[in-house]
Amino acid sequence: MAAAIITVNSNGSVRIEGDFEIRDKEGNVYDLGGREIVSLCRCGLSQNKPFCDGSHKGNFEHEAKAFALPPKKQA
């Protein structure tokens, strides 16, 4: 399986595809039912968090454009 690819969709979810697992804050792995592609909610409206259920449609705006982060702060 290919390495994970994460795509930030404009006005929508974050799509993850490839070889990955998703864990909760306690380290428990979500059972993805064999899926190799999932979408995570960014808008906070999904009834199926952390997964996207399409509730963002018409309620969330963000134009996803890649940019460079500033340099890491040195300790």
N, C-alpha and C. Protein backbone atom coordinates (compact mmCIF):
# COMPACT_ATOMS: atom_id res chain seq x y z
N MET A 1 0.84 -1.18 0.00
CA MET A 1 0.00 0.00 0.00
C MET A 1 0.89 1.24 0.00
N ALA A 2 0.46 2.29 -0.68
CA ALA A 2 1.23 3.53 -0.78
C ALA A 2 1.23 4.29 0.55
N ALA A 3 2.24 5.13 0.73
CA ALA A 3 2.29 6.00 1.90
C ALA A 3 1.07 6.90 1.90
N ALA A 4 0.71 7.39 3.06
CA ALA A 4 -0.48 8.23 3.19
C ALA A 4 -0.32 9.54 2.43
N ILE A 5 -1.41 9.95 1.80
CA ILE A 5 -1.51 11.25 1.15
C ILE A 5 -2.64 11.98 1.85
N ILE A 6 -2.37 13.19 2.31
CA ILE A 6 -3.38 14.00 3.00
C ILE A 6 -3.68 15.21 2.12
N THR A 7 -4.95 15.37 1.78
CA THR A 7 -5.37 16.48 0.93
C THR A 7 -6.35 17.35 1.69
N VAL A 8 -6.04 18.65 1.81
CA VAL A 8 -6.96 19.61 2.43
C VAL A 8 -7.86 20.14 1.32
N ASN A 9 -9.13 19.79 1.38
CA ASN A 9 -10.09 20.20 0.36
C ASN A 9 -10.61 21.61 0.64
N SER A 10 -10.76 22.41 -0.40
CA SER A 10 -11.38 23.72 -0.23
C SER A 10 -12.82 23.53 0.21
N ASN A 11 -13.25 24.34 1.17
CA ASN A 11 -14.63 24.34 1.65
C ASN A 11 -15.10 22.96 2.10
N GLY A 12 -14.18 22.16 2.65
CA GLY A 12 -14.59 20.83 3.05
C GLY A 12 -13.59 20.13 3.94
N SER A 13 -13.57 18.84 3.80
CA SER A 13 -12.85 17.93 4.68
C SER A 13 -11.35 17.83 4.37
N VAL A 14 -10.69 17.04 5.21
CA VAL A 14 -9.32 16.62 4.97
C VAL A 14 -9.42 15.15 4.55
N ARG A 15 -8.94 14.85 3.36
CA ARG A 15 -9.00 13.49 2.81
C ARG A 15 -7.67 12.80 3.06
N ILE A 16 -7.74 11.57 3.59
CA ILE A 16 -6.55 10.77 3.84
C ILE A 16 -6.69 9.48 3.04
N GLU A 17 -5.64 9.16 2.29
CA GLU A 17 -5.67 7.92 1.52
C GLU A 17 -4.30 7.25 1.56
N GLY A 18 -4.30 5.95 1.45
CA GLY A 18 -3.05 5.19 1.46
C GLY A 18 -2.94 4.34 2.70
N ASP A 19 -1.73 4.19 3.21
CA ASP A 19 -1.45 3.36 4.38
C ASP A 19 -1.40 4.25 5.62
N PHE A 20 -2.42 4.18 6.46
CA PHE A 20 -2.51 5.02 7.65
C PHE A 20 -3.39 4.36 8.69
N GLU A 21 -3.31 4.86 9.91
CA GLU A 21 -4.28 4.53 10.94
C GLU A 21 -4.61 5.81 11.67
N ILE A 22 -5.78 5.86 12.26
CA ILE A 22 -6.22 7.03 13.00
C ILE A 22 -6.46 6.59 14.44
N ARG A 23 -5.90 7.36 15.37
CA ARG A 23 -6.02 7.04 16.80
C ARG A 23 -6.72 8.17 17.54
N ASP A 24 -7.39 7.81 18.63
CA ASP A 24 -7.97 8.83 19.49
C ASP A 24 -6.90 9.32 20.46
N LYS A 25 -7.24 10.25 21.33
CA LYS A 25 -6.24 10.86 22.22
C LYS A 25 -5.63 9.87 23.20
N GLU A 26 -6.28 8.73 23.40
CA GLU A 26 -5.76 7.71 24.32
C GLU A 26 -4.96 6.63 23.58
N GLY A 27 -4.82 6.78 22.26
CA GLY A 27 -4.05 5.83 21.48
C GLY A 27 -4.84 4.67 20.90
N ASN A 28 -6.16 4.67 21.13
CA ASN A 28 -7.00 3.62 20.57
C ASN A 28 -7.20 3.84 19.08
N VAL A 29 -7.11 2.77 18.30
CA VAL A 29 -7.20 2.86 16.85
C VAL A 29 -8.67 2.76 16.42
N TYR A 30 -9.10 3.70 15.56
CA TYR A 30 -10.44 3.63 14.98
C TYR A 30 -10.50 2.46 14.01
N ASP A 31 -11.60 1.70 14.04
CA ASP A 31 -11.83 0.62 13.08
C ASP A 31 -12.40 1.25 11.82
N LEU A 32 -11.60 1.31 10.78
CA LEU A 32 -12.00 1.97 9.53
C LEU A 32 -12.71 1.02 8.57
N GLY A 33 -12.98 -0.18 9.02
CA GLY A 33 -13.75 -1.12 8.20
C GLY A 33 -13.09 -1.45 6.88
N GLY A 34 -11.77 -1.46 6.85
CA GLY A 34 -11.04 -1.80 5.63
C GLY A 34 -10.88 -0.65 4.64
N ARG A 35 -11.35 0.54 5.00
CA ARG A 35 -11.24 1.68 4.08
C ARG A 35 -9.78 2.12 3.92
N GLU A 36 -9.42 2.49 2.71
CA GLU A 36 -8.11 3.05 2.42
C GLU A 36 -8.20 4.53 2.13
N ILE A 37 -9.42 5.07 2.16
CA ILE A 37 -9.67 6.51 1.98
C ILE A 37 -10.74 6.92 2.99
N VAL A 38 -10.46 7.96 3.77
CA VAL A 38 -11.46 8.55 4.67
C VAL A 38 -11.34 10.05 4.59
N SER A 39 -12.38 10.74 5.02
CA SER A 39 -12.36 12.20 5.10
C SER A 39 -12.64 12.62 6.53
N LEU A 40 -11.84 13.54 7.03
CA LEU A 40 -11.99 14.05 8.40
C LEU A 40 -12.66 15.42 8.37
N CYS A 41 -13.52 15.64 9.34
CA CYS A 41 -14.27 16.89 9.46
C CYS A 41 -13.34 18.03 9.86
N ARG A 42 -13.51 19.18 9.20
CA ARG A 42 -12.80 20.41 9.60
C ARG A 42 -13.76 21.47 10.10
N CYS A 43 -15.05 21.34 9.81
CA CYS A 43 -16.00 22.41 10.11
C CYS A 43 -16.62 22.28 11.50
N GLY A 44 -16.57 21.09 12.09
CA GLY A 44 -17.16 20.88 13.40
C GLY A 44 -18.65 20.56 13.37
N LEU A 45 -19.25 20.45 12.20
CA LEU A 45 -20.68 20.22 12.09
C LEU A 45 -21.08 18.75 11.92
N SER A 46 -20.12 17.88 11.64
CA SER A 46 -20.41 16.47 11.39
C SER A 46 -21.02 15.80 12.61
N GLN A 47 -21.98 14.94 12.37
CA GLN A 47 -22.56 14.13 13.44
C GLN A 47 -21.75 12.85 13.63
N ASN A 48 -20.71 12.67 12.81
CA ASN A 48 -19.90 11.46 12.81
C ASN A 48 -18.43 11.80 13.06
N LYS A 49 -18.16 12.84 13.87
CA LYS A 49 -16.78 13.27 14.14
C LYS A 49 -15.95 12.11 14.67
N PRO A 50 -14.72 12.00 14.29
CA PRO A 50 -13.93 12.97 13.55
C PRO A 50 -14.11 12.87 12.04
N PHE A 51 -15.01 12.02 11.59
CA PHE A 51 -15.18 11.79 10.16
C PHE A 51 -16.20 12.75 9.56
N CYS A 52 -15.99 13.11 8.31
CA CYS A 52 -16.87 14.03 7.60
C CYS A 52 -18.15 13.31 7.16
N ASP A 53 -19.29 13.98 7.34
CA ASP A 53 -20.55 13.43 6.83
C ASP A 53 -21.21 14.37 5.81
N GLY A 54 -20.47 15.39 5.39
CA GLY A 54 -20.99 16.32 4.38
C GLY A 54 -21.76 17.49 4.95
N SER A 55 -21.86 17.61 6.27
CA SER A 55 -22.62 18.70 6.89
C SER A 55 -22.05 20.08 6.58
N HIS A 56 -20.81 20.15 6.14
CA HIS A 56 -20.15 21.43 5.85
C HIS A 56 -20.74 22.13 4.63
N LYS A 57 -21.40 21.42 3.77
CA LYS A 57 -21.87 22.00 2.50
C LYS A 57 -22.72 23.24 2.76
N GLY A 58 -22.24 24.37 2.26
CA GLY A 58 -22.94 25.63 2.42
C GLY A 58 -22.72 26.30 3.77
N ASN A 59 -21.94 25.67 4.65
CA ASN A 59 -21.74 26.20 6.00
C ASN A 59 -20.29 26.41 6.38
N PHE A 60 -19.37 26.22 5.45
CA PHE A 60 -17.96 26.27 5.79
C PHE A 60 -17.19 26.77 4.57
N GLU A 61 -16.38 27.79 4.78
CA GLU A 61 -15.60 28.33 3.68
C GLU A 61 -14.13 28.41 4.06
N HIS A 62 -13.31 27.82 3.24
CA HIS A 62 -11.86 27.93 3.39
C HIS A 62 -11.23 27.51 2.08
N GLU A 63 -10.56 28.42 1.43
CA GLU A 63 -9.87 28.13 0.18
C GLU A 63 -8.53 27.49 0.52
N ALA A 64 -8.39 26.22 0.26
CA ALA A 64 -7.16 25.49 0.60
C ALA A 64 -6.08 25.77 -0.44
N LYS A 65 -5.08 26.49 -0.03
CA LYS A 65 -3.93 26.81 -0.87
C LYS A 65 -2.67 26.52 -0.06
N ALA A 66 -1.76 25.75 -0.63
CA ALA A 66 -0.52 25.41 0.08
C ALA A 66 0.36 26.64 0.28
N PHE A 67 1.07 26.67 1.39
CA PHE A 67 2.01 27.75 1.69
C PHE A 67 3.11 27.20 2.58
N ALA A 68 4.18 27.93 2.70
CA ALA A 68 5.30 27.52 3.55
C ALA A 68 5.09 28.05 4.96
N LEU A 69 5.30 27.19 5.94
CA LEU A 69 5.27 27.62 7.34
C LEU A 69 6.53 28.41 7.65
N PRO A 70 6.47 29.29 8.63
CA PRO A 70 7.70 30.00 9.02
C PRO A 70 8.67 28.98 9.65
N PRO A 71 9.95 29.33 9.72
CA PRO A 71 10.93 28.40 10.30
C PRO A 71 10.54 28.01 11.73
N LYS A 72 10.91 26.78 12.10
CA LYS A 72 10.66 26.30 13.46
C LYS A 72 11.39 27.18 14.45
N LYS A 73 10.78 27.41 15.60
CA LYS A 73 11.44 28.17 16.67
C LYS A 73 12.52 27.29 17.28
N GLN A 74 13.65 27.90 17.54
CA GLN A 74 14.76 27.18 18.16
C GLN A 74 14.61 27.24 19.68
N ALA A 75 14.85 26.12 20.32
CA ALA A 75 14.70 26.04 21.78
C ALA A 75 15.81 26.74 22.50
